[in-house]
């Protein structure tokens, strides 16, 4: 920790407060009093738009949806005060609040809801990863004052979850390309906090509580959200008092345990790490049949013990920690080097003079890109590569600052999560779906995920997703490694964080009950 403090003095001459003083007059107004300002060392952000953001931490407190998630991850009313579903017509009818205003003072109207869902279903320019979630919507209408009717083309058991998406303001996006609209960087929502300033040079986003919020107004007056890329930086900021809250990797979180002035707050997450294989590349088009057997060569528990400080569990399914997943029959790859060698021989692979497998004149050698600032992923990738190399497979690590999907790398060290409805996996694994960036395709997986989406009965759905886990395990697109725990550290002056909710990718969702938090610096 002494070494960390020395680095801090060298690397952080300006504090969060000093940076805040330079941001704008709006920030100057509260810079003298940080007593009720939460400084959150968060993630890098390129845009703040619930339709476009993969990480939903800021959009969920700036924007509101028809529904929102409760502590157990169930959709409950938000902008809608109530809803009904007519099975015969497959129509959801929502009763909408009539006392809501946008943060810029404009009245919130039903047209904003219609515009948002029309964009998600009909805007051909929109490139959002979530579009497959809304492909079953047939129409959006207003049958009566303060009512919205959303008619479906077919049964979609996951639609209540999809109605949690934040509504965007028509008056700021109409006639524009939503992908590049200026409002993505000056967001206006109806949620608990309103956007004030985005200081890109200082790496911070300033929010203030929405005093006109239609539900419980938060106790904490403002949030300074620091956009921090490097994992060690977050720990340094906490240690120096420059941040009040951060998600840390397990090793950094461990250094704060029992330390005066801090709290360790541990969440369950559905966040897993894997080597995700790119089927656009020729290597996996030829050798995709050999991804599953790689699991036999990976000591996942050893990676968890060394890199994750034992804060995680071995991964065998992309919905393993989902309420509909966890089928142990899909856990078919124990760490077994003898089994690995036998299965590789069955697949036609033979070791060359250097001990690397070859088949049809091609070495089992592929590239995986890893973001260079994510220490934990770098460590996972390096140990994974070493274990595979010892077994005869050459997985080469390519550090990058940003993932490059056009450079021809054979995959990337990935993170995904399906913390809510299991249909969250649909957009990632169904052939041609909106977030299937690695072009994975499996006819049996497609059939099961489509069937799971179209099945209303809970027991039947669970059986379908268990069948999906078994089918996917036999022909995976990821080399699954581990599920991570969500290790947060905060100042001991912060109270109210609720660990009941299962968090998502990068442990997002921690602020789901932020209106209940209190801060007493």
Protein backbone atom coordinates (compact mmCIF):
# COMPACT_ATOMS: atom_id res chain seq x y z
CA UNK A 1 0.00 0.00 0.00
CA UNK A 2 2.98 2.33 0.61
CA UNK A 3 4.02 1.74 -3.00
CA UNK A 4 0.51 2.58 -4.11
CA UNK A 5 0.60 5.85 -2.19
CA UNK A 6 3.94 6.82 -3.76
CA UNK A 7 2.51 6.18 -7.21
CA UNK A 8 -0.50 8.24 -6.25
CA UNK A 9 1.64 11.29 -5.39
CA UNK A 10 3.43 11.01 -8.71
CA UNK A 11 0.39 10.33 -10.84
CA UNK A 12 -2.39 12.41 -9.28
CA UNK A 13 -1.33 15.98 -8.76
CA UNK A 14 -4.91 17.16 -9.24
CA UNK A 15 -7.66 15.93 -6.98
CA UNK A 16 -11.26 15.41 -7.95
CA UNK A 17 -12.21 18.63 -6.18
CA UNK A 18 -9.50 20.61 -7.98
CA UNK A 19 -10.67 19.25 -11.30
CA UNK A 20 -14.26 20.01 -10.42
CA UNK A 21 -13.36 23.64 -9.77
CA UNK A 22 -12.24 23.95 -13.39
CA UNK A 23 -15.23 22.33 -15.01
CA UNK A 24 -17.81 25.13 -15.20
CA UNK A 25 -19.77 27.69 -13.30
CA UNK A 26 -22.39 25.02 -12.62
CA UNK A 27 -19.77 22.92 -10.87
CA UNK A 28 -18.22 25.94 -9.14
CA UNK A 29 -21.54 26.47 -7.42
CA UNK A 30 -21.10 23.33 -5.34
CA UNK A 31 -17.31 22.85 -5.37
CA UNK A 32 -16.95 24.38 -1.91
CA UNK A 33 -19.21 21.75 -0.38
CA UNK A 34 -18.50 18.12 -1.27
CA UNK A 35 -20.12 16.79 1.91
CA UNK A 36 -23.10 15.37 0.03
CA UNK A 37 -21.35 14.64 -3.29
CA UNK A 38 -20.65 11.02 -4.18
CA UNK A 39 -17.45 10.60 -6.18
CA UNK A 40 -17.72 7.32 -8.07
CA UNK A 41 -14.68 5.85 -9.82
CA UNK A 42 -16.63 4.27 -12.66
CA UNK A 43 -16.06 3.02 -16.21
CA UNK A 44 -15.08 4.77 -19.41
CA UNK A 45 -18.08 6.14 -21.30
CA UNK A 46 -18.42 7.14 -24.94
CA UNK A 47 -22.10 8.01 -24.87
CA UNK A 48 -25.00 8.15 -22.43
CA UNK A 49 -28.09 6.80 -24.12
CA UNK A 50 -30.07 3.79 -22.81
CA UNK A 51 -30.57 2.52 -26.34
CA UNK A 52 -26.86 2.58 -27.16
CA UNK A 53 -25.08 1.90 -23.88
CA UNK A 54 -23.85 -1.60 -23.18
CA UNK A 55 -23.18 -0.59 -19.58
CA UNK A 56 -26.33 0.70 -17.95
CA UNK A 57 -24.99 2.38 -14.79
CA UNK A 58 -25.56 6.03 -15.72
CA UNK A 59 -28.50 5.59 -18.13
CA UNK A 60 -30.56 3.85 -15.45
CA UNK A 61 -30.35 6.79 -13.07
CA UNK A 62 -30.70 9.53 -15.72
CA UNK A 63 -33.49 7.90 -17.76
CA UNK A 64 -36.66 6.03 -16.78
CA UNK A 65 -38.40 3.15 -18.49
CA UNK A 66 -42.00 2.01 -18.55
CA UNK A 67 -40.81 -0.53 -15.98
CA UNK A 68 -37.72 -0.92 -13.79
CA UNK A 69 -36.07 -3.81 -11.95
CA UNK A 70 -36.67 -4.41 -8.26
CA UNK A 71 -34.27 -5.99 -5.76
CA UNK A 72 -34.93 -9.48 -7.10
CA UNK A 73 -34.49 -8.44 -10.72
CA UNK A 74 -38.23 -8.48 -11.48
CA UNK A 75 -39.76 -5.78 -13.73
CA UNK A 76 -42.09 -3.46 -11.79
CA UNK A 77 -43.92 -0.20 -12.75
CA UNK A 78 -41.91 3.00 -13.20
CA UNK A 79 -43.12 5.56 -15.78
CA UNK A 80 -46.06 3.21 -16.10
CA UNK A 81 -48.13 2.98 -12.96
CA UNK A 82 -49.82 -0.25 -14.05
CA UNK A 83 -50.10 -2.58 -17.03
CA UNK A 84 -52.25 -5.42 -18.38
CA UNK A 85 -51.64 -8.13 -20.96
CA UNK A 86 -54.31 -9.52 -23.26
CA UNK A 87 -53.24 -13.01 -24.34
CA UNK A 88 -55.76 -13.17 -27.18
CA UNK A 89 -54.48 -10.04 -28.91
CA UNK A 90 -50.94 -10.31 -27.44
CA UNK A 91 -51.16 -6.65 -26.38
CA UNK A 92 -49.60 -4.92 -23.39
CA UNK A 93 -51.48 -1.84 -22.22
CA UNK A 94 -49.68 0.59 -19.92
CA UNK A 95 -51.17 3.36 -17.81
CA UNK A 96 -48.62 6.20 -17.83
CA UNK A 97 -47.86 8.82 -15.16
CA UNK A 98 -49.12 12.30 -16.04
CA UNK A 99 -46.89 14.31 -13.69
CA UNK A 100 -43.50 13.82 -15.35
CA UNK A 101 -41.18 16.40 -16.93
CA UNK A 102 -37.89 16.02 -18.75
CA UNK A 103 -34.81 17.39 -17.01
CA UNK A 104 -34.80 20.35 -19.43
CA UNK A 105 -38.31 21.31 -18.29
CA UNK A 106 -40.19 20.03 -21.35
CA UNK A 107 -43.34 18.00 -20.60
CA UNK A 108 -43.04 14.23 -20.92
CA UNK A 109 -45.67 12.89 -23.35
CA UNK A 110 -46.86 9.63 -24.82
CA UNK A 111 -45.19 10.68 -28.06
CA UNK A 112 -41.82 10.18 -26.36
CA UNK A 113 -42.70 6.55 -25.63
CA UNK A 114 -43.99 5.96 -29.13
CA UNK A 115 -40.89 7.59 -30.61
CA UNK A 116 -38.54 5.44 -28.52
CA UNK A 117 -40.16 2.14 -29.43
CA UNK A 118 -40.65 3.14 -33.06
CA UNK A 119 -36.92 3.88 -33.22
CA UNK A 120 -36.11 0.47 -31.73
CA UNK A 121 -38.29 -1.33 -34.26
CA UNK A 122 -38.26 0.74 -37.45
CA UNK A 123 -35.18 3.01 -37.55
CA UNK A 124 -32.96 1.33 -40.17
CA UNK A 125 -29.99 3.52 -39.27
CA UNK A 126 -29.93 2.40 -35.64
CA UNK A 127 -27.08 -0.01 -34.87
CA UNK A 128 -27.82 -0.75 -31.21
CA UNK A 129 -26.87 -4.13 -29.80
CA UNK A 130 -30.31 -4.57 -28.18
CA UNK A 131 -32.43 -4.42 -31.34
CA UNK A 132 -33.15 -8.16 -31.34
CA UNK A 133 -34.96 -7.68 -28.02
CA UNK A 134 -37.69 -5.70 -29.80
CA UNK A 135 -38.10 -7.61 -33.07
CA UNK A 136 -41.42 -9.15 -31.96
CA UNK A 137 -43.21 -5.79 -31.55
CA UNK A 138 -45.88 -5.21 -34.20
CA UNK A 139 -47.21 -1.77 -33.25
CA UNK A 140 -47.17 0.98 -30.62
CA UNK A 141 -50.29 3.12 -30.22
CA UNK A 142 -52.14 5.28 -27.71
CA UNK A 143 -55.73 3.93 -27.34
CA UNK A 144 -56.70 6.48 -24.66
CA UNK A 145 -55.22 9.46 -22.80
CA UNK A 146 -52.17 8.39 -20.77
CA UNK A 147 -52.30 4.87 -22.15
CA UNK A 148 -49.84 3.07 -24.42
CA UNK A 149 -50.64 -0.21 -26.18
CA UNK A 150 -47.81 -2.37 -27.50
CA UNK A 151 -49.06 -5.21 -29.68
CA UNK A 152 -46.81 -8.22 -30.28
CA UNK A 153 -46.41 -10.30 -33.44
CA UNK A 154 -45.94 -13.41 -31.35
CA UNK A 155 -45.57 -14.46 -27.72
CA UNK A 156 -42.38 -13.13 -26.17
CA UNK A 157 -41.95 -14.21 -22.54
CA UNK A 158 -39.13 -11.72 -21.98
CA UNK A 159 -40.92 -8.55 -23.01
CA UNK A 160 -41.54 -7.19 -19.52
CA UNK A 161 -37.75 -7.10 -19.05
CA UNK A 162 -37.36 -5.29 -22.36
CA UNK A 163 -39.86 -2.64 -21.26
CA UNK A 164 -37.30 -1.46 -18.68
CA UNK A 165 -35.36 0.34 -21.44
CA UNK A 166 -35.08 4.07 -20.79
CA UNK A 167 -37.36 6.37 -22.78
CA UNK A 168 -35.51 9.03 -24.79
CA UNK A 169 -36.87 12.55 -25.54
CA UNK A 170 -38.44 12.89 -28.97
CA UNK A 171 -37.77 16.63 -29.03
CA UNK A 172 -34.00 16.03 -28.93
CA UNK A 173 -33.70 13.00 -31.24
CA UNK A 174 -36.43 13.33 -33.86
CA UNK A 175 -34.99 13.74 -37.35
CA UNK A 176 -31.46 12.83 -36.22
CA UNK A 177 -29.28 9.77 -36.44
CA UNK A 178 -29.63 8.41 -32.89
CA UNK A 179 -26.20 6.76 -33.16
CA UNK A 180 -24.45 10.14 -33.40
CA UNK A 181 -26.94 12.69 -32.01
CA UNK A 182 -25.49 15.48 -29.80
CA UNK A 183 -27.93 14.52 -27.04
CA UNK A 184 -25.88 11.34 -26.48
CA UNK A 185 -23.30 13.56 -24.77
CA UNK A 186 -25.72 15.94 -23.06
CA UNK A 187 -28.38 13.46 -21.94
CA UNK A 188 -31.83 14.62 -20.88
CA UNK A 189 -33.97 12.07 -19.05
CA UNK A 190 -36.77 11.82 -16.52
CA UNK A 191 -34.87 9.83 -13.89
CA UNK A 192 -33.51 10.32 -10.40
CA UNK A 193 -30.44 12.31 -11.46
CA UNK A 194 -30.03 14.95 -14.14
CA UNK A 195 -26.96 15.58 -16.26
CA UNK A 196 -25.01 18.79 -15.59
CA UNK A 197 -21.58 18.57 -17.24
CA UNK A 198 -19.24 16.16 -19.05
CA UNK A 199 -15.64 17.20 -18.58
CA UNK A 200 -13.84 14.92 -21.02
CA UNK A 201 -10.43 16.43 -20.26
CA UNK A 202 -10.85 15.92 -16.53
CA UNK A 203 -12.53 12.55 -17.02
CA UNK A 204 -15.71 13.23 -15.06
CA UNK A 205 -19.45 13.40 -15.55
CA UNK A 206 -21.42 15.60 -13.14
CA UNK A 207 -25.00 14.77 -12.13
CA UNK A 208 -27.40 16.45 -9.69
CA UNK A 209 -30.45 14.91 -8.10
CA UNK A 210 -33.74 15.61 -9.82
CA UNK A 211 -35.72 17.63 -7.28
CA UNK A 212 -38.81 17.19 -9.46
CA UNK A 213 -38.51 13.40 -9.67
CA UNK A 214 -41.93 11.74 -9.61
CA UNK A 215 -40.90 9.18 -6.98
CA UNK A 216 -38.52 9.28 -3.99
CA UNK A 217 -35.93 12.03 -4.47
CA UNK A 218 -32.42 10.75 -3.64
CA UNK A 219 -30.67 11.81 -0.43
CA UNK A 220 -27.32 12.35 -2.15
CA UNK A 221 -27.31 15.74 -3.86
CA UNK A 222 -24.84 15.10 -6.67
CA UNK A 223 -22.61 12.51 -8.28
CA UNK A 224 -19.17 13.07 -9.74
CA UNK A 225 -18.73 10.02 -11.98
CA UNK A 226 -15.06 9.61 -12.81
CA UNK A 227 -14.43 7.84 -16.11
CA UNK A 228 -11.49 5.65 -15.12
CA UNK A 229 -9.95 3.06 -17.42
CA UNK A 230 -7.02 1.69 -15.40
CA UNK A 231 -7.99 -0.66 -12.58
CA UNK A 232 -5.13 0.34 -10.27
CA UNK A 233 -6.17 3.98 -10.59
CA UNK A 234 -9.51 3.28 -8.93
CA UNK A 235 -7.78 1.75 -5.91
CA UNK A 236 -5.41 4.71 -5.68
CA UNK A 237 -8.31 7.16 -5.80
CA UNK A 238 -10.10 5.36 -2.97
CA UNK A 239 -6.96 5.22 -0.87
CA UNK A 240 -6.28 8.94 -1.29
CA UNK A 241 -9.87 9.98 -0.64
CA UNK A 242 -10.40 11.10 -4.25
CA UNK A 243 -13.22 8.58 -4.68
CA UNK A 244 -15.97 7.37 -2.39
CA UNK A 245 -16.96 4.22 -4.28
CA UNK A 246 -15.48 1.88 -6.89
CA UNK A 247 -15.77 -1.63 -8.26
CA UNK A 248 -12.32 -3.18 -7.90
CA UNK A 249 -10.81 -6.43 -9.02
CA UNK A 250 -10.52 -8.97 -6.23
CA UNK A 251 -6.85 -8.38 -5.47
CA UNK A 252 -7.23 -4.63 -5.06
CA UNK A 253 -10.42 -5.06 -3.03
CA UNK A 254 -8.55 -7.37 -0.65
CA UNK A 255 -6.11 -4.59 0.28
CA UNK A 256 -8.98 -2.59 1.83
CA UNK A 257 -10.41 -5.35 4.03
CA UNK A 258 -10.28 -4.35 7.69
CA UNK A 259 -8.80 -0.96 6.81
CA UNK A 260 -10.09 1.98 8.83
CA UNK A 261 -12.32 4.34 6.88
CA UNK A 262 -13.44 1.82 4.24
CA UNK A 263 -16.13 -0.79 3.61
CA UNK A 264 -15.90 -3.88 1.44
CA UNK A 265 -19.30 -4.60 -0.11
CA UNK A 266 -19.51 -7.87 -2.03
CA UNK A 267 -22.20 -8.62 -4.59
CA UNK A 268 -23.09 -11.70 -6.60
CA UNK A 269 -22.76 -11.03 -10.32
CA UNK A 270 -23.70 -12.92 -13.47
CA UNK A 271 -20.49 -11.57 -15.03
CA UNK A 272 -18.26 -14.15 -16.70
CA UNK A 273 -14.92 -14.06 -18.47
CA UNK A 274 -14.12 -16.12 -21.54
CA UNK A 275 -12.13 -16.27 -24.73
CA UNK A 276 -14.79 -15.44 -27.30
CA UNK A 277 -13.96 -16.83 -30.73
CA UNK A 278 -14.57 -14.81 -33.90
CA UNK A 279 -16.24 -16.98 -36.52
CA UNK A 280 -15.69 -14.31 -39.16
CA UNK A 281 -12.07 -15.47 -39.21
CA UNK A 282 -10.92 -18.36 -41.36
CA UNK A 283 -9.25 -20.18 -38.46
CA UNK A 284 -12.49 -20.77 -36.55
CA UNK A 285 -14.48 -21.41 -39.70
CA UNK A 286 -12.17 -24.38 -40.21
CA UNK A 287 -11.56 -25.34 -36.58
CA UNK A 288 -14.69 -24.39 -34.64
CA UNK A 289 -15.22 -28.05 -33.84
CA UNK A 290 -12.20 -27.91 -31.52
CA UNK A 291 -13.24 -25.10 -29.17
CA UNK A 292 -15.07 -27.26 -26.63
CA UNK A 293 -12.16 -29.66 -26.02
CA UNK A 294 -9.93 -26.74 -24.99
CA UNK A 295 -11.80 -26.77 -21.69
CA UNK A 296 -10.07 -30.04 -20.74
CA UNK A 297 -6.72 -28.21 -20.87
CA UNK A 298 -7.73 -25.30 -18.61
CA UNK A 299 -7.41 -25.41 -14.83
CA UNK A 300 -10.14 -22.83 -14.18
CA UNK A 301 -9.95 -23.10 -10.40
CA UNK A 302 -6.23 -22.28 -10.52
CA UNK A 303 -7.02 -19.10 -12.47
CA UNK A 304 -9.71 -18.16 -9.95
CA UNK A 305 -7.36 -18.79 -7.02
CA UNK A 306 -4.47 -16.78 -8.44
CA UNK A 307 -6.07 -13.96 -10.46
CA UNK A 308 -9.44 -13.57 -8.73
CA UNK A 309 -8.15 -14.18 -5.21
CA UNK A 310 -10.70 -17.03 -5.00
CA UNK A 311 -13.52 -14.50 -5.62
CA UNK A 312 -15.36 -16.44 -8.33
CA UNK A 313 -16.49 -19.82 -9.61
CA UNK A 314 -15.53 -21.90 -12.68
CA UNK A 315 -17.75 -21.20 -15.68
CA UNK A 316 -19.37 -23.86 -17.86
CA UNK A 317 -22.49 -22.07 -19.19
CA UNK A 318 -23.28 -18.49 -20.29
CA UNK A 319 -26.45 -18.58 -18.17
CA UNK A 320 -25.01 -20.63 -15.32
CA UNK A 321 -25.89 -18.08 -12.61
CA UNK A 322 -29.24 -17.16 -14.13
CA UNK A 323 -32.39 -18.35 -12.37
CA UNK A 324 -33.21 -20.43 -15.47
CA UNK A 325 -29.70 -21.84 -15.87
CA UNK A 326 -27.18 -23.84 -13.89
CA UNK A 327 -27.80 -27.25 -15.49
CA UNK A 328 -24.94 -29.41 -14.18
CA UNK A 329 -25.41 -31.75 -17.14
CA UNK A 330 -23.82 -29.00 -19.21
CA UNK A 331 -20.68 -29.12 -17.05
CA UNK A 332 -19.03 -31.72 -19.30
CA UNK A 333 -15.39 -30.60 -19.38
CA UNK A 334 -13.36 -31.41 -16.25
CA UNK A 335 -9.73 -30.34 -16.17
CA UNK A 336 -8.14 -33.47 -17.60
CA UNK A 337 -5.02 -33.25 -19.77
CA UNK A 338 -5.14 -36.94 -20.70
CA UNK A 339 -8.74 -36.53 -21.87
CA UNK A 340 -7.70 -33.42 -23.79
CA UNK A 341 -4.98 -35.31 -25.64
CA UNK A 342 -7.34 -38.18 -26.45
CA UNK A 343 -10.06 -35.86 -27.78
CA UNK A 344 -7.57 -33.88 -29.85
CA UNK A 345 -6.40 -37.12 -31.45
CA UNK A 346 -10.01 -38.03 -32.29
CA UNK A 347 -10.37 -34.65 -34.00
CA UNK A 348 -7.29 -35.34 -36.12
CA UNK A 349 -4.78 -33.07 -34.36
CA UNK A 350 -1.14 -34.21 -34.03
CA UNK A 351 1.71 -32.48 -32.23
CA UNK A 352 4.61 -31.14 -34.32
CA UNK A 353 8.28 -31.13 -33.33
CA UNK A 354 7.71 -28.03 -31.17
CA UNK A 355 4.84 -29.68 -29.29
CA UNK A 356 2.08 -27.62 -30.99
CA UNK A 357 -0.91 -29.40 -32.48
CA UNK A 358 -1.37 -29.40 -36.25
CA UNK A 359 -4.20 -30.53 -38.50
CA UNK A 360 -4.41 -30.41 -42.29
CA UNK A 361 -1.14 -28.50 -42.40
CA UNK A 362 -2.36 -25.79 -40.02
CA UNK A 363 -1.05 -25.18 -36.51
CA UNK A 364 -3.50 -24.77 -33.64
CA UNK A 365 -2.48 -21.15 -33.25
CA UNK A 366 -4.85 -18.22 -32.82
CA UNK A 367 -4.87 -14.61 -31.56
CA UNK A 368 -6.97 -13.13 -28.78
CA UNK A 369 -7.10 -9.38 -28.17
CA UNK A 370 -7.24 -8.03 -24.62
CA UNK A 371 -7.63 -4.41 -23.56
CA UNK A 372 -4.26 -3.39 -22.17
CA UNK A 373 -5.63 -1.38 -19.22
CA UNK A 374 -7.71 -4.21 -17.77
CA UNK A 375 -5.19 -5.87 -15.49
CA UNK A 376 -7.45 -8.69 -14.39
CA UNK A 377 -8.30 -9.70 -17.96
CA UNK A 378 -4.64 -9.50 -18.97
CA UNK A 379 -3.74 -11.80 -16.08
CA UNK A 380 -6.55 -14.24 -16.94
CA UNK A 381 -5.49 -14.28 -20.60
CA UNK A 382 -1.80 -14.83 -19.79
CA UNK A 383 -2.46 -17.79 -17.49
CA UNK A 384 -4.98 -19.21 -19.95
CA UNK A 385 -2.42 -18.92 -22.75
CA UNK A 386 0.27 -20.56 -20.63
CA UNK A 387 -1.96 -23.50 -19.71
CA UNK A 388 -2.97 -24.02 -23.33
CA UNK A 389 0.65 -23.74 -24.51
CA UNK A 390 1.67 -26.44 -22.04
CA UNK A 391 -1.06 -28.63 -23.56
CA UNK A 392 0.02 -27.93 -27.15
CA UNK A 393 -2.16 -24.99 -28.24
CA UNK A 394 -0.71 -21.59 -29.18
CA UNK A 395 -3.07 -18.84 -27.99
CA UNK A 396 -1.32 -15.53 -28.59
CA UNK A 397 -2.32 -12.45 -26.56
CA UNK A 398 -2.58 -9.11 -28.38
CA UNK A 399 -2.89 -6.10 -26.03
CA UNK A 400 -5.07 -3.33 -27.52
CA UNK A 401 -6.43 -0.06 -26.18
CA UNK A 402 -9.75 -0.55 -27.96
CA UNK A 403 -11.14 -3.76 -29.42
CA UNK A 404 -10.60 -3.85 -33.18
CA UNK A 405 -13.18 -6.02 -34.93
CA UNK A 406 -11.68 -5.44 -38.39
CA UNK A 407 -8.06 -6.40 -37.75
CA UNK A 408 -8.62 -10.13 -38.17
CA UNK A 409 -7.90 -11.26 -34.61
CA UNK A 410 -9.41 -14.66 -33.87
CA UNK A 411 -11.19 -13.57 -30.70
CA UNK A 412 -11.10 -11.43 -27.59
CA UNK A 413 -11.00 -11.86 -23.81
CA UNK A 414 -14.68 -11.24 -23.25
CA UNK A 415 -17.05 -10.42 -20.46
CA UNK A 416 -20.81 -11.00 -20.60
CA UNK A 417 -23.69 -11.31 -18.17
CA UNK A 418 -27.33 -12.45 -18.26
CA UNK A 419 -28.52 -11.36 -14.85
CA UNK A 420 -32.23 -10.96 -15.62
CA UNK A 421 -34.44 -12.93 -18.01
CA UNK A 422 -32.47 -15.74 -19.76
CA UNK A 423 -33.62 -14.33 -23.11
CA UNK A 424 -30.81 -11.83 -22.57
CA UNK A 425 -28.62 -14.43 -24.27
CA UNK A 426 -30.74 -14.35 -27.47
CA UNK A 427 -29.14 -11.27 -28.99
CA UNK A 428 -25.63 -12.69 -28.41
CA UNK A 429 -25.98 -16.25 -29.72
CA UNK A 430 -28.82 -16.50 -32.24
CA UNK A 431 -27.59 -16.48 -35.82
CA UNK A 432 -27.60 -12.92 -37.16
CA UNK A 433 -28.88 -11.37 -33.91
CA UNK A 434 -28.06 -7.76 -33.09
CA UNK A 435 -25.22 -8.38 -30.61
CA UNK A 436 -23.80 -11.55 -32.18
CA UNK A 437 -20.58 -9.75 -33.08
CA UNK A 438 -18.59 -13.00 -33.26
CA UNK A 439 -20.97 -14.53 -35.84
CA UNK A 440 -21.61 -17.69 -33.82
CA UNK A 441 -24.16 -19.93 -35.50
CA UNK A 442 -25.70 -23.19 -34.30
CA UNK A 443 -29.06 -24.41 -35.58
CA UNK A 444 -29.93 -26.27 -32.36
CA UNK A 445 -29.05 -23.25 -30.22
CA UNK A 446 -31.14 -21.00 -32.48
CA UNK A 447 -34.14 -23.30 -32.17
CA UNK A 448 -33.91 -23.55 -28.38
CA UNK A 449 -33.44 -19.83 -27.78
CA UNK A 450 -36.34 -18.97 -30.06
CA UNK A 451 -38.47 -21.57 -28.30
CA UNK A 452 -37.45 -20.24 -24.88
CA UNK A 453 -38.49 -16.73 -25.89
CA UNK A 454 -41.86 -17.96 -27.19
CA UNK A 455 -42.75 -20.14 -24.17
CA UNK A 456 -44.73 -18.56 -21.32
CA UNK A 457 -44.79 -21.46 -18.84
CA UNK A 458 -41.95 -21.02 -16.34
CA UNK A 459 -41.22 -24.74 -15.85
CA UNK A 460 -41.21 -25.35 -19.59
CA UNK A 461 -38.92 -22.37 -20.15
CA UNK A 462 -36.47 -23.63 -17.56
CA UNK A 463 -36.32 -27.02 -19.26
CA UNK A 464 -35.69 -25.32 -22.59
CA UNK A 465 -32.83 -23.22 -21.22
CA UNK A 466 -31.32 -26.28 -19.55
CA UNK A 467 -31.43 -27.96 -22.96
CA UNK A 468 -29.76 -24.86 -24.43
CA UNK A 469 -26.93 -25.16 -21.90
CA UNK A 470 -26.28 -28.76 -22.92
CA UNK A 471 -26.44 -27.99 -26.65
CA UNK A 472 -24.16 -25.00 -26.32
CA UNK A 473 -21.61 -26.89 -24.21
CA UNK A 474 -21.18 -29.41 -27.02
CA UNK A 475 -20.57 -26.71 -29.64
CA UNK A 476 -19.50 -23.50 -27.85
CA UNK A 477 -18.33 -20.21 -29.26
CA UNK A 478 -16.57 -19.22 -26.03
CA UNK A 479 -13.89 -20.88 -23.96
CA UNK A 480 -15.57 -20.08 -20.65
CA UNK A 481 -13.26 -19.46 -17.69
CA UNK A 482 -14.88 -17.96 -14.58
CA UNK A 483 -17.72 -16.00 -13.03
CA UNK A 484 -16.56 -13.02 -10.98
CA UNK A 485 -17.86 -11.71 -7.69
CA UNK A 486 -18.68 -8.00 -7.54
CA UNK A 487 -16.13 -6.58 -5.11
CA UNK A 488 -16.99 -2.96 -4.29
CA UNK A 489 -15.11 -0.73 -1.87
CA UNK A 490 -16.52 2.49 -0.42
CA UNK A 491 -15.80 5.06 2.21
CA UNK A 492 -17.34 4.11 5.55
CA UNK A 493 -19.38 7.33 5.28
CA UNK A 494 -21.55 5.79 2.56
CA UNK A 495 -24.60 3.73 3.57
CA UNK A 496 -27.56 2.05 1.89
CA UNK A 497 -26.02 -0.16 -0.80
CA UNK A 498 -28.24 -3.21 -1.17
CA UNK A 499 -26.52 -6.47 -2.15
CA UNK A 500 -29.75 -8.39 -2.83
CA UNK A 501 -29.66 -7.66 -6.57
CA UNK A 502 -27.49 -9.85 -8.82
CA UNK A 503 -25.29 -7.44 -10.78
CA UNK A 504 -24.36 -7.54 -14.45
CA UNK A 505 -21.33 -7.20 -16.70
CA UNK A 506 -18.61 -5.12 -15.00
CA UNK A 507 -20.81 -5.42 -11.88
CA UNK A 508 -23.19 -2.75 -13.22
CA UNK A 509 -26.45 -2.17 -11.40
CA UNK A 510 -25.00 -1.21 -8.03
CA UNK A 511 -26.93 2.09 -8.08
CA UNK A 512 -30.31 0.41 -8.56
CA UNK A 513 -31.50 1.75 -5.17
CA UNK A 514 -29.38 4.92 -5.03
CA UNK A 515 -32.34 6.98 -3.79
CA UNK A 516 -31.92 5.14 -0.49
CA UNK A 517 -28.19 5.84 -0.12
CA UNK A 518 -26.83 8.36 2.39
CA UNK A 519 -23.43 10.00 2.55
CA UNK A 520 -22.02 11.82 5.56
CA UNK A 521 -18.48 12.99 4.85
